[in-house]
């Protein structure tokens, strides 16, 4: 996802998205450990999406003060 897509979300939607991305990352890591994961770049994509979402959350907390 793009950063602007995260910025368009409300705080509740953003929190839910981070939770779902973390679950997806857990499942991908488990598949990678077992050897079922074909495309390793999916792990990188999910990690970057989590970082983007957390960056937007941090911007909002600093901007609110």
PDB file of N, CA and C in Angstrom:
ATOM      1  N   UNK A   1       0.836  -1.183   0.000  1.00  0.00           N
ATOM      2  CA  UNK A   1       0.000   0.000   0.000  1.00  0.00           C
ATOM      3  C   UNK A   1       0.879   1.243   0.000  1.00  0.00           C
ATOM      4  N   UNK A   2       0.314   2.308  -0.470  1.00  0.00           N
ATOM      5  CA  UNK A   2       1.000   3.593  -0.495  1.00  0.00           C
ATOM      6  C   UNK A   2       0.750   4.331   0.823  1.00  0.00           C
ATOM      7  N   UNK A   3       1.620   5.253   1.148  1.00  0.00           N
ATOM      8  CA  UNK A   3       1.498   6.014   2.388  1.00  0.00           C
ATOM      9  C   UNK A   3       0.211   6.829   2.386  1.00  0.00           C
ATOM     10  N   UNK A   4      -0.155   7.366   1.240  1.00  0.00           N
ATOM     11  CA  UNK A   4      -1.382   8.169   1.169  1.00  0.00           C
ATOM     12  C   UNK A   4      -2.624   7.342   1.480  1.00  0.00           C
ATOM     13  N   UNK A   5      -2.596   6.066   1.143  1.00  0.00           N
ATOM     14  CA  UNK A   5      -3.726   5.195   1.468  1.00  0.00           C
ATOM     15  C   UNK A   5      -3.846   5.031   2.977  1.00  0.00           C
ATOM     16  N   UNK A   6      -2.717   4.957   3.678  1.00  0.00           N
ATOM     17  CA  UNK A   6      -2.750   4.870   5.132  1.00  0.00           C
ATOM     18  C   UNK A   6      -3.214   6.185   5.745  1.00  0.00           C
ATOM     19  N   UNK A   7      -2.811   7.293   5.137  1.00  0.00           N
ATOM     20  CA  UNK A   7      -3.204   8.605   5.669  1.00  0.00           C
ATOM     21  C   UNK A   7      -4.700   8.859   5.512  1.00  0.00           C
ATOM     22  N   UNK A   8      -5.329   8.224   4.529  1.00  0.00           N
ATOM     23  CA  UNK A   8      -6.763   8.399   4.318  1.00  0.00           C
ATOM     24  C   UNK A   8      -7.598   7.611   5.312  1.00  0.00           C
ATOM     25  N   UNK A   9      -6.991   6.684   6.034  1.00  0.00           N
ATOM     26  CA  UNK A   9      -7.715   5.853   6.995  1.00  0.00           C
ATOM     27  C   UNK A   9      -7.900   6.591   8.309  1.00  0.00           C
ATOM     28  N   UNK A  10      -8.949   6.203   9.037  1.00  0.00           N
ATOM     29  CA  UNK A  10      -9.142   6.745  10.379  1.00  0.00           C
ATOM     30  C   UNK A  10      -8.205   6.014  11.340  1.00  0.00           C
ATOM     31  N   UNK A  11      -8.132   6.491  12.562  1.00  0.00           N
ATOM     32  CA  UNK A  11      -7.243   5.871  13.554  1.00  0.00           C
ATOM     33  C   UNK A  11      -7.647   4.426  13.833  1.00  0.00           C
ATOM     34  N   UNK A  12      -8.935   4.171  13.917  1.00  0.00           N
ATOM     35  CA  UNK A  12      -9.410   2.816  14.197  1.00  0.00           C
ATOM     36  C   UNK A  12      -9.079   1.880  13.039  1.00  0.00           C
ATOM     37  N   UNK A  13      -9.293   2.362  11.819  1.00  0.00           N
ATOM     38  CA  UNK A  13      -8.973   1.542  10.651  1.00  0.00           C
ATOM     39  C   UNK A  13      -7.471   1.266  10.568  1.00  0.00           C
ATOM     40  N   UNK A  14      -6.679   2.263  10.916  1.00  0.00           N
ATOM     41  CA  UNK A  14      -5.230   2.116  10.878  1.00  0.00           C
ATOM     42  C   UNK A  14      -4.761   1.088  11.907  1.00  0.00           C
ATOM     43  N   UNK A  15      -5.321   1.148  13.108  1.00  0.00           N
ATOM     44  CA  UNK A  15      -4.970   0.171  14.135  1.00  0.00           C
ATOM     45  C   UNK A  15      -5.345  -1.242  13.704  1.00  0.00           C
ATOM     46  N   UNK A  16      -6.508  -1.381  13.113  1.00  0.00           N
ATOM     47  CA  UNK A  16      -6.956  -2.695  12.645  1.00  0.00           C
ATOM     48  C   UNK A  16      -6.054  -3.205  11.515  1.00  0.00           C
ATOM     49  N   UNK A  17      -5.649  -2.317  10.629  1.00  0.00           N
ATOM     50  CA  UNK A  17      -4.779  -2.699   9.514  1.00  0.00           C
ATOM     51  C   UNK A  17      -3.419  -3.180  10.024  1.00  0.00           C
ATOM     52  N   UNK A  18      -2.865  -2.492  11.022  1.00  0.00           N
ATOM     53  CA  UNK A  18      -1.589  -2.912  11.597  1.00  0.00           C
ATOM     54  C   UNK A  18      -1.726  -4.295  12.218  1.00  0.00           C
ATOM     55  N   UNK A  19      -2.825  -4.529  12.929  1.00  0.00           N
ATOM     56  CA  UNK A  19      -3.058  -5.829  13.544  1.00  0.00           C
ATOM     57  C   UNK A  19      -3.135  -6.930  12.481  1.00  0.00           C
ATOM     58  N   UNK A  20      -3.864  -6.671  11.405  1.00  0.00           N
ATOM     59  CA  UNK A  20      -3.994  -7.671  10.337  1.00  0.00           C
ATOM     60  C   UNK A  20      -2.665  -7.912   9.624  1.00  0.00           C
ATOM     61  N   UNK A  21      -1.885  -6.862   9.431  1.00  0.00           N
ATOM     62  CA  UNK A  21      -0.574  -7.015   8.793  1.00  0.00           C
ATOM     63  C   UNK A  21       0.375  -7.822   9.668  1.00  0.00           C
ATOM     64  N   UNK A  22       0.306  -7.621  10.980  1.00  0.00           N
ATOM     65  CA  UNK A  22       1.156  -8.399  11.885  1.00  0.00           C
ATOM     66  C   UNK A  22       0.774  -9.877  11.861  1.00  0.00           C
ATOM     67  N   UNK A  23      -0.523 -10.146  11.781  1.00  0.00           N
ATOM     68  CA  UNK A  23      -0.967 -11.541  11.662  1.00  0.00           C
ATOM     69  C   UNK A  23      -0.462 -12.157  10.363  1.00  0.00           C
ATOM     70  N   UNK A  24      -0.554 -11.397   9.281  1.00  0.00           N
ATOM     71  CA  UNK A  24      -0.080 -11.880   7.990  1.00  0.00           C
ATOM     72  C   UNK A  24       1.430 -12.142   8.025  1.00  0.00           C
ATOM     73  N   UNK A  25       2.174 -11.254   8.672  1.00  0.00           N
ATOM     74  CA  UNK A  25       3.619 -11.436   8.795  1.00  0.00           C
ATOM     75  C   UNK A  25       3.947 -12.700   9.586  1.00  0.00           C
ATOM     76  N   UNK A  26       3.203 -12.937  10.645  1.00  0.00           N
ATOM     77  CA  UNK A  26       3.406 -14.149  11.443  1.00  0.00           C
ATOM     78  C   UNK A  26       3.198 -15.397  10.593  1.00  0.00           C
ATOM     79  N   UNK A  27       2.112 -15.402   9.834  1.00  0.00           N
ATOM     80  CA  UNK A  27       1.816 -16.557   8.986  1.00  0.00           C
ATOM     81  C   UNK A  27       2.870 -16.751   7.896  1.00  0.00           C
ATOM     82  N   UNK A  28       3.339 -15.661   7.318  1.00  0.00           N
ATOM     83  CA  UNK A  28       4.373 -15.756   6.282  1.00  0.00           C
ATOM     84  C   UNK A  28       5.686 -16.287   6.855  1.00  0.00           C
ATOM     85  N   UNK A  29       6.036 -15.825   8.052  1.00  0.00           N
ATOM     86  CA  UNK A  29       7.271 -16.308   8.682  1.00  0.00           C
ATOM     87  C   UNK A  29       7.176 -17.795   9.006  1.00  0.00           C
ATOM     88  N   UNK A  30       5.997 -18.209   9.442  1.00  0.00           N
ATOM     89  CA  UNK A  30       5.796 -19.634   9.742  1.00  0.00           C
ATOM     90  C   UNK A  30       5.933 -20.468   8.469  1.00  0.00           C
ATOM     91  N   UNK A  31       5.337 -19.992   7.377  1.00  0.00           N
ATOM     92  CA  UNK A  31       5.458 -20.707   6.104  1.00  0.00           C
ATOM     93  C   UNK A  31       6.898 -20.748   5.627  1.00  0.00           C
ATOM     94  N   UNK A  32       7.628 -19.648   5.842  1.00  0.00           N
ATOM     95  CA  UNK A  32       9.025 -19.597   5.418  1.00  0.00           C
ATOM     96  C   UNK A  32       9.868 -20.601   6.200  1.00  0.00           C
ATOM     97  N   UNK A  33       9.592 -20.740   7.484  1.00  0.00           N
ATOM     98  CA  UNK A  33      10.350 -21.668   8.318  1.00  0.00           C
ATOM     99  C   UNK A  33      10.113 -23.113   7.899  1.00  0.00           C
ATOM    100  N   UNK A  34       8.909 -23.418   7.461  1.00  0.00           N
ATOM    101  CA  UNK A  34       8.568 -24.782   7.060  1.00  0.00           C
ATOM    102  C   UNK A  34       9.024 -25.060   5.628  1.00  0.00           C
ATOM    103  N   UNK A  35       9.192 -23.996   4.862  1.00  0.00           N
ATOM    104  CA  UNK A  35       9.631 -24.157   3.481  1.00  0.00           C
ATOM    105  C   UNK A  35       8.501 -24.109   2.477  1.00  0.00           C
ATOM    106  N   UNK A  36       7.347 -23.624   2.892  1.00  0.00           N
ATOM    107  CA  UNK A  36       6.186 -23.551   2.004  1.00  0.00           C
ATOM    108  C   UNK A  36       6.077 -22.220   1.277  1.00  0.00           C
ATOM    109  N   UNK A  37       6.878 -21.251   1.672  1.00  0.00           N
ATOM    110  CA  UNK A  37       6.784 -19.921   1.079  1.00  0.00           C
ATOM    111  C   UNK A  37       7.584 -19.876  -0.221  1.00  0.00           C
ATOM    112  N   UNK A  38       6.902 -19.550  -1.304  1.00  0.00           N
ATOM    113  CA  UNK A  38       7.552 -19.510  -2.612  1.00  0.00           C
ATOM    114  C   UNK A  38       8.205 -18.161  -2.891  1.00  0.00           C
ATOM    115  N   UNK A  39       7.542 -17.093  -2.478  1.00  0.00           N
ATOM    116  CA  UNK A  39       8.026 -15.745  -2.776  1.00  0.00           C
ATOM    117  C   UNK A  39       8.421 -15.055  -1.476  1.00  0.00           C
ATOM    118  N   UNK A  40       9.712 -14.952  -1.229  1.00  0.00           N
ATOM    119  CA  UNK A  40      10.214 -14.346  -0.004  1.00  0.00           C
ATOM    120  C   UNK A  40       9.999 -12.850   0.076  1.00  0.00           C
ATOM    121  N   UNK A  41       9.759 -12.224  -1.077  1.00  0.00           N
ATOM    122  CA  UNK A  41       9.565 -10.773  -1.063  1.00  0.00           C
ATOM    123  C   UNK A  41       8.240 -10.375  -0.412  1.00  0.00           C
ATOM    124  N   UNK A  42       7.335 -11.321  -0.215  1.00  0.00           N
ATOM    125  CA  UNK A  42       6.081 -11.011   0.468  1.00  0.00           C
ATOM    126  C   UNK A  42       6.339 -10.589   1.901  1.00  0.00           C
ATOM    127  N   UNK A  43       7.320 -11.222   2.551  1.00  0.00           N
ATOM    128  CA  UNK A  43       7.669 -10.858   3.924  1.00  0.00           C
ATOM    129  C   UNK A  43       8.152  -9.415   3.968  1.00  0.00           C
ATOM    130  N   UNK A  44       8.995  -9.050   3.031  1.00  0.00           N
ATOM    131  CA  UNK A  44       9.520  -7.688   2.963  1.00  0.00           C
ATOM    132  C   UNK A  44       8.401  -6.684   2.714  1.00  0.00           C
ATOM    133  N   UNK A  45       7.469  -7.017   1.833  1.00  0.00           N
ATOM    134  CA  UNK A  45       6.356  -6.113   1.520  1.00  0.00           C
ATOM    135  C   UNK A  45       5.501  -5.858   2.764  1.00  0.00           C
ATOM    136  N   UNK A  46       5.206  -6.916   3.511  1.00  0.00           N
ATOM    137  CA  UNK A  46       4.367  -6.773   4.699  1.00  0.00           C
ATOM    138  C   UNK A  46       5.094  -5.958   5.766  1.00  0.00           C
ATOM    139  N   UNK A  47       6.392  -6.209   5.938  1.00  0.00           N
ATOM    140  CA  UNK A  47       7.160  -5.450   6.918  1.00  0.00           C
ATOM    141  C   UNK A  47       7.176  -3.966   6.580  1.00  0.00           C
ATOM    142  N   UNK A  48       7.314  -3.647   5.309  1.00  0.00           N
ATOM    143  CA  UNK A  48       7.325  -2.241   4.899  1.00  0.00           C
ATOM    144  C   UNK A  48       5.953  -1.603   5.073  1.00  0.00           C
ATOM    145  N   UNK A  49       4.887  -2.372   4.824  1.00  0.00           N
ATOM    146  CA  UNK A  49       3.543  -1.840   5.040  1.00  0.00           C
ATOM    147  C   UNK A  49       3.307  -1.542   6.516  1.00  0.00           C
ATOM    148  N   UNK A  50       3.796  -2.417   7.399  1.00  0.00           N
ATOM    149  CA  UNK A  50       3.668  -2.176   8.836  1.00  0.00           C
ATOM    150  C   UNK A  50       4.417  -0.899   9.210  1.00  0.00           C
ATOM    151  N   UNK A  51       5.614  -0.731   8.672  1.00  0.00           N
ATOM    152  CA  UNK A  51       6.401   0.470   8.967  1.00  0.00           C
ATOM    153  C   UNK A  51       5.701   1.730   8.474  1.00  0.00           C
ATOM    154  N   UNK A  52       5.102   1.664   7.302  1.00  0.00           N
ATOM    155  CA  UNK A  52       4.383   2.835   6.773  1.00  0.00           C
ATOM    156  C   UNK A  52       3.198   3.192   7.662  1.00  0.00           C
ATOM    157  N   UNK A  53       2.456   2.180   8.084  1.00  0.00           N
ATOM    158  CA  UNK A  53       1.289   2.424   8.932  1.00  0.00           C
ATOM    159  C   UNK A  53       1.715   3.003  10.280  1.00  0.00           C
ATOM    160  N   UNK A  54       2.767   2.472  10.865  1.00  0.00           N
ATOM    161  CA  UNK A  54       3.239   2.985  12.146  1.00  0.00           C
ATOM    162  C   UNK A  54       3.786   4.403  12.016  1.00  0.00           C
ATOM    163  N   UNK A  55       4.374   4.719  10.858  1.00  0.00           N
ATOM    164  CA  UNK A  55       4.865   6.067  10.616  1.00  0.00           C
ATOM    165  C   UNK A  55       3.693   7.060  10.611  1.00  0.00           C
ATOM    166  N   UNK A  56       2.598   6.682   9.978  1.00  0.00           N
ATOM    167  CA  UNK A  56       1.426   7.556   9.937  1.00  0.00           C
ATOM    168  C   UNK A  56       0.847   7.724  11.341  1.00  0.00           C
ATOM    169  N   UNK A  57       0.822   6.627  12.118  1.00  0.00           N
ATOM    170  CA  UNK A  57       0.344   6.723  13.492  1.00  0.00           C
ATOM    171  C   UNK A  57       1.206   7.692  14.296  1.00  0.00           C
ATOM    172  N   UNK A  58       2.514   7.606  14.115  1.00  0.00           N
ATOM    173  CA  UNK A  58       3.444   8.466  14.838  1.00  0.00           C
ATOM    174  C   UNK A  58       3.284   9.923  14.402  1.00  0.00           C
ATOM    175  N   UNK A  59       3.077  10.146  13.107  1.00  0.00           N
ATOM    176  CA  UNK A  59       2.854  11.505  12.628  1.00  0.00           C
ATOM    177  C   UNK A  59       1.626  12.111  13.281  1.00  0.00           C
ATOM    178  N   UNK A  60       0.594  11.305  13.427  1.00  0.00           N
ATOM    179  CA  UNK A  60      -0.645  11.815  14.019  1.00  0.00           C
ATOM    180  C   UNK A  60      -0.463  12.136  15.495  1.00  0.00           C
ATOM    181  N   UNK A  61       0.280  11.298  16.223  1.00  0.00           N
ATOM    182  CA  UNK A  61       0.473  11.595  17.644  1.00  0.00           C
ATOM    183  C   UNK A  61       1.342  12.835  17.840  1.00  0.00           C
ATOM    184  N   UNK A  62       2.352  13.007  17.005  1.00  0.00           N
ATOM    185  CA  UNK A  62       3.199  14.201  17.138  1.00  0.00           C
ATOM    186  C   UNK A  62       2.483  15.445  16.640  1.00  0.00           C
ATOM    187  N   UNK A  63       1.655  15.289  15.618  1.00  0.00           N
ATOM    188  CA  UNK A  63       0.920  16.430  15.097  1.00  0.00           C
ATOM    189  C   UNK A  63      -0.185  16.897  16.011  1.00  0.00           C
ATOM    190  N   UNK A  64      -0.706  15.997  16.833  1.00  0.00           N
ATOM    191  CA  UNK A  64      -1.798  16.329  17.732  1.00  0.00           C
ATOM    192  C   UNK A  64      -1.315  17.141  18.934  1.00  0.00           C
ATOM    193  N   UNK A  65      -0.031  17.050  19.258  1.00  0.00           N
ATOM    194  CA  UNK A  65       0.477  17.740  20.462  1.00  0.00           C
ATOM    195  C   UNK A  65       0.862  19.153  20.190  1.00  0.00           C
TER     196      UNK A  65
END
